[in-house]
PDB file of N, CA and C in Angstrom:
ATOM      1  N   MET A   1       0.828  -1.171   0.000  1.00  0.00           N
ATOM      2  CA  MET A   1       0.000   0.000   0.000  1.00  0.00           C
ATOM      3  C   MET A   1       0.878   1.242   0.000  1.00  0.00           C
ATOM      4  N   ASP A   2       0.552   2.168  -0.843  1.00  0.00           N
ATOM      5  CA  ASP A   2       1.251   3.442  -0.899  1.00  0.00           C
ATOM      6  C   ASP A   2       0.281   4.517  -0.434  1.00  0.00           C
ATOM      7  N   ALA A   3       0.485   4.993   0.800  1.00  0.00           N
ATOM      8  CA  ALA A   3      -0.442   5.972   1.378  1.00  0.00           C
ATOM      9  C   ALA A   3      -0.527   7.243   0.552  1.00  0.00           C
ATOM     10  N   SER A   4       0.499   7.550  -0.214  1.00  0.00           N
ATOM     11  CA  SER A   4       0.468   8.780  -1.014  1.00  0.00           C
ATOM     12  C   SER A   4      -0.517   8.680  -2.172  1.00  0.00           C
ATOM     13  N   GLN A   5      -0.989   7.481  -2.489  1.00  0.00           N
ATOM     14  CA  GLN A   5      -1.938   7.297  -3.592  1.00  0.00           C
ATOM     15  C   GLN A   5      -3.355   7.680  -3.204  1.00  0.00           C
ATOM     16  N   ASP A   6      -3.710   7.568  -1.938  1.00  0.00           N
ATOM     17  CA  ASP A   6      -5.078   7.828  -1.504  1.00  0.00           C
ATOM     18  C   ASP A   6      -5.097   8.866  -0.397  1.00  0.00           C
ATOM     19  N   ILE A   7      -4.936  10.103  -0.798  1.00  0.00           N
ATOM     20  CA  ILE A   7      -4.954  11.223   0.141  1.00  0.00           C
ATOM     21  C   ILE A   7      -6.063  12.170  -0.303  1.00  0.00           C
ATOM     22  N   GLU A   8      -6.892  12.541   0.646  1.00  0.00           N
ATOM     23  CA  GLU A   8      -7.996  13.450   0.339  1.00  0.00           C
ATOM     24  C   GLU A   8      -8.098  14.506   1.429  1.00  0.00           C
ATOM     25  N   PRO A   9      -8.457  15.732   1.043  1.00  0.00           N
ATOM     26  CA  PRO A   9      -8.664  16.769   2.055  1.00  0.00           C
ATOM     27  C   PRO A   9      -9.979  16.536   2.798  1.00  0.00           C
ATOM     28  N   ILE A  10     -10.072  17.099   3.978  1.00  0.00           N
ATOM     29  CA  ILE A  10     -11.270  16.927   4.797  1.00  0.00           C
ATOM     30  C   ILE A  10     -12.506  17.481   4.088  1.00  0.00           C
ATOM     31  N   THR A  11     -12.320  18.455   3.224  1.00  0.00           N
ATOM     32  CA  THR A  11     -13.473  19.000   2.490  1.00  0.00           C
ATOM     33  C   THR A  11     -14.097  17.938   1.592  1.00  0.00           C
ATOM     34  N   THR A  12     -13.282  17.060   1.018  1.00  0.00           N
ATOM     35  CA  THR A  12     -13.815  15.971   0.202  1.00  0.00           C
ATOM     36  C   THR A  12     -14.595  15.002   1.080  1.00  0.00           C
ATOM     37  N   LEU A  13     -14.083  14.738   2.269  1.00  0.00           N
ATOM     38  CA  LEU A  13     -14.799  13.862   3.202  1.00  0.00           C
ATOM     39  C   LEU A  13     -16.158  14.470   3.553  1.00  0.00           C
ATOM     40  N   LYS A  14     -16.198  15.766   3.802  1.00  0.00           N
ATOM     41  CA  LYS A  14     -17.460  16.434   4.136  1.00  0.00           C
ATOM     42  C   LYS A  14     -18.441  16.394   2.962  1.00  0.00           C
ATOM     43  N   ARG A  15     -17.914  16.592   1.771  1.00  0.00           N
ATOM     44  CA  ARG A  15     -18.745  16.693   0.570  1.00  0.00           C
ATOM     45  C   ARG A  15     -19.154  15.338   0.012  1.00  0.00           C
ATOM     46  N   ALA A  16     -18.252  14.337   0.104  1.00  0.00           N
ATOM     47  CA  ALA A  16     -18.500  13.064  -0.577  1.00  0.00           C
ATOM     48  C   ALA A  16     -18.111  11.875   0.302  1.00  0.00           C
ATOM     49  N   ALA A  17     -18.594  11.870   1.530  1.00  0.00           N
ATOM     50  CA  ALA A  17     -18.231  10.800   2.466  1.00  0.00           C
ATOM     51  C   ALA A  17     -18.609   9.421   1.930  1.00  0.00           C
ATOM     52  N   ALA A  18     -19.812   9.291   1.390  1.00  0.00           N
ATOM     53  CA  ALA A  18     -20.254   7.988   0.887  1.00  0.00           C
ATOM     54  C   ALA A  18     -19.335   7.476  -0.230  1.00  0.00           C
ATOM     55  N   GLU A  19     -18.891   8.355  -1.094  1.00  0.00           N
ATOM     56  CA  GLU A  19     -17.990   7.958  -2.182  1.00  0.00           C
ATOM     57  C   GLU A  19     -16.634   7.501  -1.630  1.00  0.00           C
ATOM     58  N   LEU A  20     -16.124   8.219  -0.634  1.00  0.00           N
ATOM     59  CA  LEU A  20     -14.840   7.825  -0.045  1.00  0.00           C
ATOM     60  C   LEU A  20     -14.951   6.480   0.669  1.00  0.00           C
ATOM     61  N   ILE A  21     -16.067   6.280   1.356  1.00  0.00           N
ATOM     62  CA  ILE A  21     -16.269   4.991   2.029  1.00  0.00           C
ATOM     63  C   ILE A  21     -16.330   3.865   1.009  1.00  0.00           C
ATOM     64  N   ALA A  22     -17.042   4.070  -0.070  1.00  0.00           N
ATOM     65  CA  ALA A  22     -17.129   3.055  -1.131  1.00  0.00           C
ATOM     66  C   ALA A  22     -15.748   2.779  -1.718  1.00  0.00           C
ATOM     67  N   ARG A  23     -14.965   3.826  -1.920  1.00  0.00           N
ATOM     68  CA  ARG A  23     -13.614   3.655  -2.474  1.00  0.00           C
ATOM     69  C   ARG A  23     -12.716   2.881  -1.515  1.00  0.00           C
ATOM     70  N   ALA A  24     -12.793   3.198  -0.226  1.00  0.00           N
ATOM     71  CA  ALA A  24     -11.984   2.479   0.767  1.00  0.00           C
ATOM     72  C   ALA A  24     -12.367   1.007   0.792  1.00  0.00           C
ATOM     73  N   LYS A  25     -13.661   0.738   0.698  1.00  0.00           N
ATOM     74  CA  LYS A  25     -14.128  -0.658   0.709  1.00  0.00           C
ATOM     75  C   LYS A  25     -13.682  -1.392  -0.549  1.00  0.00           C
ATOM     76  N   GLU A  26     -13.815  -0.747  -1.687  1.00  0.00           N
ATOM     77  CA  GLU A  26     -13.443  -1.368  -2.962  1.00  0.00           C
ATOM     78  C   GLU A  26     -11.945  -1.676  -3.034  1.00  0.00           C
ATOM     79  N   ARG A  27     -11.127  -0.734  -2.612  1.00  0.00           N
ATOM     80  CA  ARG A  27      -9.669  -0.885  -2.710  1.00  0.00           C
ATOM     81  C   ARG A  27      -9.068  -1.653  -1.539  1.00  0.00           C
ATOM     82  N   GLN A  28      -9.873  -1.872  -0.477  1.00  0.00           N
ATOM     83  CA  GLN A  28      -9.391  -2.574   0.712  1.00  0.00           C
ATOM     84  C   GLN A  28      -8.154  -1.906   1.292  1.00  0.00           C
ATOM     85  N   GLY A  29      -8.124  -0.596   1.180  1.00  0.00           N
ATOM     86  CA  GLY A  29      -6.988   0.147   1.709  1.00  0.00           C
ATOM     87  C   GLY A  29      -7.441   1.449   2.319  1.00  0.00           C
ATOM     88  N   PRO A  30      -6.621   2.032   3.138  1.00  0.00           N
ATOM     89  CA  PRO A  30      -6.999   3.268   3.817  1.00  0.00           C
ATOM     90  C   PRO A  30      -6.904   4.492   2.907  1.00  0.00           C
ATOM     91  N   ILE A  31      -7.654   5.508   3.288  1.00  0.00           N
ATOM     92  CA  ILE A  31      -7.582   6.808   2.644  1.00  0.00           C
ATOM     93  C   ILE A  31      -7.145   7.790   3.720  1.00  0.00           C
ATOM     94  N   VAL A  32      -6.071   8.486   3.468  1.00  0.00           N
ATOM     95  CA  VAL A  32      -5.550   9.469   4.417  1.00  0.00           C
ATOM     96  C   VAL A  32      -6.319  10.771   4.224  1.00  0.00           C
ATOM     97  N   ILE A  33      -6.849  11.285   5.320  1.00  0.00           N
ATOM     98  CA  ILE A  33      -7.588  12.544   5.287  1.00  0.00           C
ATOM     99  C   ILE A  33      -6.672  13.647   5.821  1.00  0.00           C
ATOM    100  N   THR A  34      -6.586  14.728   5.064  1.00  0.00           N
ATOM    101  CA  THR A  34      -5.725  15.837   5.485  1.00  0.00           C
ATOM    102  C   THR A  34      -6.573  17.013   5.952  1.00  0.00           C
ATOM    103  N   GLN A  35      -5.982  17.786   6.825  1.00  0.00           N
ATOM    104  CA  GLN A  35      -6.600  19.022   7.289  1.00  0.00           C
ATOM    105  C   GLN A  35      -5.503  20.074   7.298  1.00  0.00           C
ATOM    106  N   ASN A  36      -5.756  21.165   6.618  1.00  0.00           N
ATOM    107  CA  ASN A  36      -4.738  22.210   6.443  1.00  0.00           C
ATOM    108  C   ASN A  36      -3.457  21.649   5.834  1.00  0.00           C
ATOM    109  N   GLY A  37      -3.615  20.693   4.916  1.00  0.00           N
ATOM    110  CA  GLY A  37      -2.477  20.124   4.206  1.00  0.00           C
ATOM    111  C   GLY A  37      -1.686  19.077   4.962  1.00  0.00           C
ATOM    112  N   LYS A  38      -2.110  18.744   6.168  1.00  0.00           N
ATOM    113  CA  LYS A  38      -1.382  17.758   6.971  1.00  0.00           C
ATOM    114  C   LYS A  38      -2.252  16.527   7.224  1.00  0.00           C
ATOM    115  N   PRO A  39      -1.648  15.331   7.178  1.00  0.00           N
ATOM    116  CA  PRO A  39      -2.442  14.122   7.455  1.00  0.00           C
ATOM    117  C   PRO A  39      -2.948  14.141   8.900  1.00  0.00           C
ATOM    118  N   THR A  40      -4.265  13.915   9.070  1.00  0.00           N
ATOM    119  CA  THR A  40      -4.846  13.962  10.410  1.00  0.00           C
ATOM    120  C   THR A  40      -5.690  12.748  10.761  1.00  0.00           C
ATOM    121  N   ALA A  41      -6.146  11.998   9.763  1.00  0.00           N
ATOM    122  CA  ALA A  41      -7.001  10.847  10.036  1.00  0.00           C
ATOM    123  C   ALA A  41      -6.877   9.841   8.901  1.00  0.00           C
ATOM    124  N   VAL A  42      -7.369   8.630   9.176  1.00  0.00           N
ATOM    125  CA  VAL A  42      -7.372   7.574   8.171  1.00  0.00           C
ATOM    126  C   VAL A  42      -8.775   6.991   8.107  1.00  0.00           C
ATOM    127  N   LEU A  43      -9.277   6.827   6.904  1.00  0.00           N
ATOM    128  CA  LEU A  43     -10.580   6.211   6.678  1.00  0.00           C
ATOM    129  C   LEU A  43     -10.346   4.850   6.045  1.00  0.00           C
ATOM    130  N   GLN A  44     -10.917   3.810   6.664  1.00  0.00           N
ATOM    131  CA  GLN A  44     -10.798   2.484   6.070  1.00  0.00           C
ATOM    132  C   GLN A  44     -12.061   1.693   6.352  1.00  0.00           C
ATOM    133  N   ASP A  45     -12.326   0.696   5.507  1.00  0.00           N
ATOM    134  CA  ASP A  45     -13.537  -0.086   5.704  1.00  0.00           C
ATOM    135  C   ASP A  45     -13.362  -1.041   6.890  1.00  0.00           C
ATOM    136  N   VAL A  46     -14.463  -1.505   7.426  1.00  0.00           N
ATOM    137  CA  VAL A  46     -14.454  -2.315   8.632  1.00  0.00           C
ATOM    138  C   VAL A  46     -13.694  -3.625   8.431  1.00  0.00           C
ATOM    139  N   GLY A  47     -13.839  -4.260   7.281  1.00  0.00           N
ATOM    140  CA  GLY A  47     -13.139  -5.524   7.024  1.00  0.00           C
ATOM    141  C   GLY A  47     -11.627  -5.361   7.101  1.00  0.00           C
ATOM    142  N   ALA A  48     -11.118  -4.315   6.468  1.00  0.00           N
ATOM    143  CA  ALA A  48      -9.671  -4.051   6.509  1.00  0.00           C
ATOM    144  C   ALA A  48      -9.227  -3.718   7.925  1.00  0.00           C
ATOM    145  N   TYR A  49     -10.055  -2.980   8.649  1.00  0.00           N
ATOM    146  CA  TYR A  49      -9.738  -2.618  10.035  1.00  0.00           C
ATOM    147  C   TYR A  49      -9.641  -3.877  10.902  1.00  0.00           C
ATOM    148  N   GLU A  50     -10.611  -4.775  10.758  1.00  0.00           N
ATOM    149  CA  GLU A  50     -10.599  -6.012  11.546  1.00  0.00           C
ATOM    150  C   GLU A  50      -9.392  -6.886  11.203  1.00  0.00           C
ATOM    151  N   ARG A  51      -9.061  -6.996   9.929  1.00  0.00           N
ATOM    152  CA  ARG A  51      -7.883  -7.779   9.531  1.00  0.00           C
ATOM    153  C   ARG A  51      -6.610  -7.179  10.123  1.00  0.00           C
ATOM    154  N   GLN A  52      -6.534  -5.865  10.121  1.00  0.00           N
ATOM    155  CA  GLN A  52      -5.364  -5.187  10.682  1.00  0.00           C
ATOM    156  C   GLN A  52      -5.276  -5.440  12.183  1.00  0.00           C
ATOM    157  N   ARG A  53      -6.400  -5.362  12.876  1.00  0.00           N
ATOM    158  CA  ARG A  53      -6.408  -5.617  14.322  1.00  0.00           C
ATOM    159  C   ARG A  53      -6.000  -7.052  14.630  1.00  0.00           C
ATOM    160  N   GLN A  54      -6.498  -8.013  13.843  1.00  0.00           N
ATOM    161  CA  GLN A  54      -6.125  -9.411  14.055  1.00  0.00           C
ATOM    162  C   GLN A  54      -4.627  -9.613  13.836  1.00  0.00           C
ATOM    163  N   ALA A  55      -4.090  -8.978  12.820  1.00  0.00           N
ATOM    164  CA  ALA A  55      -2.650  -9.092  12.554  1.00  0.00           C
ATOM    165  C   ALA A  55      -1.850  -8.505  13.716  1.00  0.00           C
ATOM    166  N   LEU A  56      -2.299  -7.389  14.267  1.00  0.00           N
ATOM    167  CA  LEU A  56      -1.600  -6.785  15.397  1.00  0.00           C
ATOM    168  C   LEU A  56      -1.666  -7.666  16.636  1.00  0.00           C
ATOM    169  N   VAL A  57      -2.799  -8.318  16.856  1.00  0.00           N
ATOM    170  CA  VAL A  57      -2.923  -9.242  17.995  1.00  0.00           C
ATOM    171  C   VAL A  57      -1.942 -10.397  17.830  1.00  0.00           C
ATOM    172  N   LEU A  58      -1.855 -10.945  16.624  1.00  0.00           N
ATOM    173  CA  LEU A  58      -0.915 -12.046  16.383  1.00  0.00           C
ATOM    174  C   LEU A  58       0.526 -11.598  16.599  1.00  0.00           C
ATOM    175  N   LEU A  59       0.864 -10.413  16.117  1.00  0.00           N
ATOM    176  CA  LEU A  59       2.219  -9.902  16.320  1.00  0.00           C
ATOM    177  C   LEU A  59       2.522  -9.703  17.796  1.00  0.00           C
ATOM    178  N   LYS A  60       1.531  -9.241  18.542  1.00  0.00           N
ATOM    179  CA  LYS A  60       1.707  -9.055  19.983  1.00  0.00           C
ATOM    180  C   LYS A  60       1.945 -10.405  20.667  1.00  0.00           C
ATOM    181  N   LEU A  61       1.191 -11.430  20.261  1.00  0.00           N
ATOM    182  CA  LEU A  61       1.377 -12.764  20.831  1.00  0.00           C
ATOM    183  C   LEU A  61       2.771 -13.312  20.511  1.00  0.00           C
ATOM    184  N   VAL A  62       3.228 -13.091  19.303  1.00  0.00           N
ATOM    185  CA  VAL A  62       4.569 -13.537  18.925  1.00  0.00           C
ATOM    186  C   VAL A  62       5.616 -12.829  19.780  1.00  0.00           C
ATOM    187  N   ALA A  63       5.449 -11.528  19.970  1.00  0.00           N
ATOM    188  CA  ALA A  63       6.401 -10.761  20.784  1.00  0.00           C
ATOM    189  C   ALA A  63       6.412 -11.273  22.224  1.00  0.00           C
ATOM    190  N   HIS A  64       5.237 -11.574  22.768  1.00  0.00           N
ATOM    191  CA  HIS A  64       5.173 -12.124  24.125  1.00  0.00           C
ATOM    192  C   HIS A  64       5.859 -13.483  24.183  1.00  0.00           C
ATOM    193  N   GLY A  65       5.645 -14.296  23.157  1.00  0.00           N
ATOM    194  CA  GLY A  65       6.291 -15.610  23.099  1.00  0.00           C
ATOM    195  C   GLY A  65       7.804 -15.492  23.058  1.00  0.00           C
ATOM    196  N   GLU A  66       8.300 -14.551  22.298  1.00  0.00           N
ATOM    197  CA  GLU A  66       9.742 -14.336  22.227  1.00  0.00           C
ATOM    198  C   GLU A  66      10.296 -13.880  23.580  1.00  0.00           C
ATOM    199  N   GLN A  67       9.552 -13.015  24.251  1.00  0.00           N
ATOM    200  CA  GLN A  67       9.980 -12.561  25.586  1.00  0.00           C
ATOM    201  C   GLN A  67      10.000 -13.726  26.569  1.00  0.00           C
ATOM    202  N   ASP A  68       8.985 -14.559  26.516  1.00  0.00           N
ATOM    203  CA  ASP A  68       8.946 -15.733  27.400  1.00  0.00           C
ATOM    204  C   ASP A  68      10.117 -16.666  27.109  1.00  0.00           C
ATOM    205  N   TYR A  69      10.400 -16.877  25.832  1.00  0.00           N
ATOM    206  CA  TYR A  69      11.499 -17.758  25.446  1.00  0.00           C
ATOM    207  C   TYR A  69      12.831 -17.210  25.974  1.00  0.00           C
ATOM    208  N   GLU A  70      13.047 -15.917  25.761  1.00  0.00           N
ATOM    209  CA  GLU A  70      14.301 -15.295  26.204  1.00  0.00           C
ATOM    210  C   GLU A  70      14.440 -15.315  27.726  1.00  0.00           C
ATOM    211  N   ALA A  71      13.305 -15.293  28.436  1.00  0.00           N
ATOM    212  CA  ALA A  71      13.330 -15.311  29.903  1.00  0.00           C
ATOM    213  C   ALA A  71      13.364 -16.731  30.459  1.00  0.00           C
ATOM    214  N   GLY A  72      13.363 -17.708  29.565  1.00  0.00           N
ATOM    215  CA  GLY A  72      13.426 -19.100  30.008  1.00  0.00           C
ATOM    216  C   GLY A  72      12.088 -19.669  30.454  1.00  0.00           C
ATOM    217  N   ARG A  73      10.992 -18.973  30.152  1.00  0.00           N
ATOM    218  CA  ARG A  73       9.662 -19.469  30.515  1.00  0.00           C
ATOM    219  C   ARG A  73       9.139 -20.331  29.365  1.00  0.00           C
ATOM    220  N   THR A  74       9.637 -21.558  29.311  1.00  0.00           N
ATOM    221  CA  THR A  74       9.266 -22.459  28.225  1.00  0.00           C
ATOM    222  C   THR A  74       8.809 -23.800  28.787  1.00  0.00           C
ATOM    223  N   LYS A  75       8.119 -24.563  27.952  1.00  0.00           N
ATOM    224  CA  LYS A  75       7.659 -25.908  28.284  1.00  0.00           C
ATOM    225  C   LYS A  75       8.030 -26.823  27.119  1.00  0.00           C
ATOM    226  N   THR A  76       8.187 -28.088  27.421  1.00  0.00           N
ATOM    227  CA  THR A  76       8.386 -29.060  26.341  1.00  0.00           C
ATOM    228  C   THR A  76       7.040 -29.279  25.663  1.00  0.00           C
ATOM    229  N   ALA A  77       7.062 -29.890  24.503  1.00  0.00           N
ATOM    230  CA  ALA A  77       5.814 -30.185  23.798  1.00  0.00           C
ATOM    231  C   ALA A  77       4.925 -31.095  24.641  1.00  0.00           C
ATOM    232  N   THR A  78       5.514 -32.054  25.309  1.00  0.00           N
ATOM    233  CA  THR A  78       4.745 -32.974  26.158  1.00  0.00           C
ATOM    234  C   THR A  78       4.086 -32.211  27.310  1.00  0.00           C
ATOM    235  N   GLN A  79       4.831 -31.321  27.948  1.00  0.00           N
ATOM    236  CA  GLN A  79       4.271 -30.521  29.044  1.00  0.00           C
ATOM    237  C   GLN A  79       3.123 -29.635  28.534  1.00  0.00           C
ATOM    238  N   ALA A  80       3.301 -29.060  27.384  1.00  0.00           N
ATOM    239  CA  ALA A  80       2.261 -28.193  26.824  1.00  0.00           C
ATOM    240  C   ALA A  80       1.004 -28.998  26.502  1.00  0.00           C
ATOM    241  N   ARG A  81       1.155 -30.157  25.879  1.00  0.00           N
ATOM    242  CA  ARG A  81      -0.003 -31.016  25.565  1.00  0.00           C
ATOM    243  C   ARG A  81      -0.759 -31.403  26.832  1.00  0.00           C
ATOM    244  N   THR A  82      -0.011 -31.784  27.873  1.00  0.00           N
ATOM    245  CA  THR A  82      -0.643 -32.164  29.142  1.00  0.00           C
ATOM    246  C   THR A  82      -1.428 -30.990  29.716  1.00  0.00           C
ATOM    247  N   ARG A  83      -0.842 -29.832  29.693  1.00  0.00           N
ATOM    248  CA  ARG A  83      -1.506 -28.639  30.233  1.00  0.00           C
ATOM    249  C   ARG A  83      -2.767 -28.308  29.434  1.00  0.00           C
ATOM    250  N   ILE A  84      -2.683 -28.399  28.135  1.00  0.00           N
ATOM    251  CA  ILE A  84      -3.837 -28.108  27.279  1.00  0.00           C
ATOM    252  C   ILE A  84      -4.943 -29.124  27.519  1.00  0.00           C
ATOM    253  N   ARG A  85      -4.582 -30.375  27.607  1.00  0.00           N
ATOM    254  CA  ARG A  85      -5.594 -31.420  27.850  1.00  0.00           C
ATOM    255  C   ARG A  85      -6.307 -31.195  29.178  1.00  0.00           C
ATOM    256  N   LYS A  86      -5.572 -30.811  30.202  1.00  0.00           N
ATOM    257  CA  LYS A  86      -6.184 -30.548  31.507  1.00  0.00           C
ATOM    258  C   LYS A  86      -7.163 -29.384  31.418  1.00  0.00           C
ATOM    259  N   ARG A  87      -6.770 -28.345  30.723  1.00  0.00           N
ATOM    260  CA  ARG A  87      -7.651 -27.177  30.584  1.00  0.00           C
ATOM    261  C   ARG A  87      -8.900 -27.524  29.787  1.00  0.00           C
ATOM    262  N   LEU A  88      -8.732 -28.293  28.736  1.00  0.00           N
ATOM    263  CA  LEU A  88      -9.890 -28.692  27.938  1.00  0.00           C
ATOM    264  C   LEU A  88     -10.845 -29.566  28.748  1.00  0.00           C
ATOM    265  N   ALA A  89     -10.283 -30.454  29.562  1.00  0.00           N
ATOM    266  CA  ALA A  89     -11.101 -31.327  30.389  1.00  0.00           C
ATOM    267  C   ALA A  89     -11.920 -30.507  31.394  1.00  0.00           C
ATOM    268  N   LYS A  90     -11.331 -29.439  31.935  1.00  0.00           N
ATOM    269  CA  LYS A  90     -12.051 -28.588  32.880  1.00  0.00           C
ATOM    270  C   LYS A  90     -13.236 -27.905  32.189  1.00  0.00           C
ATOM    271  N   HIS A  91     -13.039 -27.486  30.959  1.00  0.00           N
ATOM    272  CA  HIS A  91     -14.105 -26.784  30.239  1.00  0.00           C
ATOM    273  C   HIS A  91     -15.224 -27.726  29.805  1.00  0.00           C
ATOM    274  N   ARG A  92     -14.940 -28.983  29.675  1.00  0.00           N
ATOM    275  CA  ARG A  92     -15.954 -29.959  29.275  1.00  0.00           C
ATOM    276  C   ARG A  92     -16.835 -30.372  30.455  1.00  0.00           C
ATOM    277  N   GLU A  93     -16.355 -30.156  31.662  1.00  0.00           N
ATOM    278  CA  GLU A  93     -17.102 -30.592  32.853  1.00  0.00           C
ATOM    279  C   GLU A  93     -18.339 -29.768  33.057  1.00  0.00           C
TER     280      GLU A  93
END
């Protein structure tokens, strides 16, 4: 995505919001809204927003996993399977 391709002034948002929303949905990419010539907001469709949030959650989980690994907070595969099975059994009760 090249943010410089989809930049619109706030006046366009005020005048043609529905068109900008349709464009964001069609292109599956954000539109940068400027005010006084400076970027101030981003308009994107809900699907793209949700995908972005999910990707950020996954990246956060990976970062936490790396921190745990570096701190020595690890389990063997057998230990992890046992722990998961116990938790699943509790939820089935």
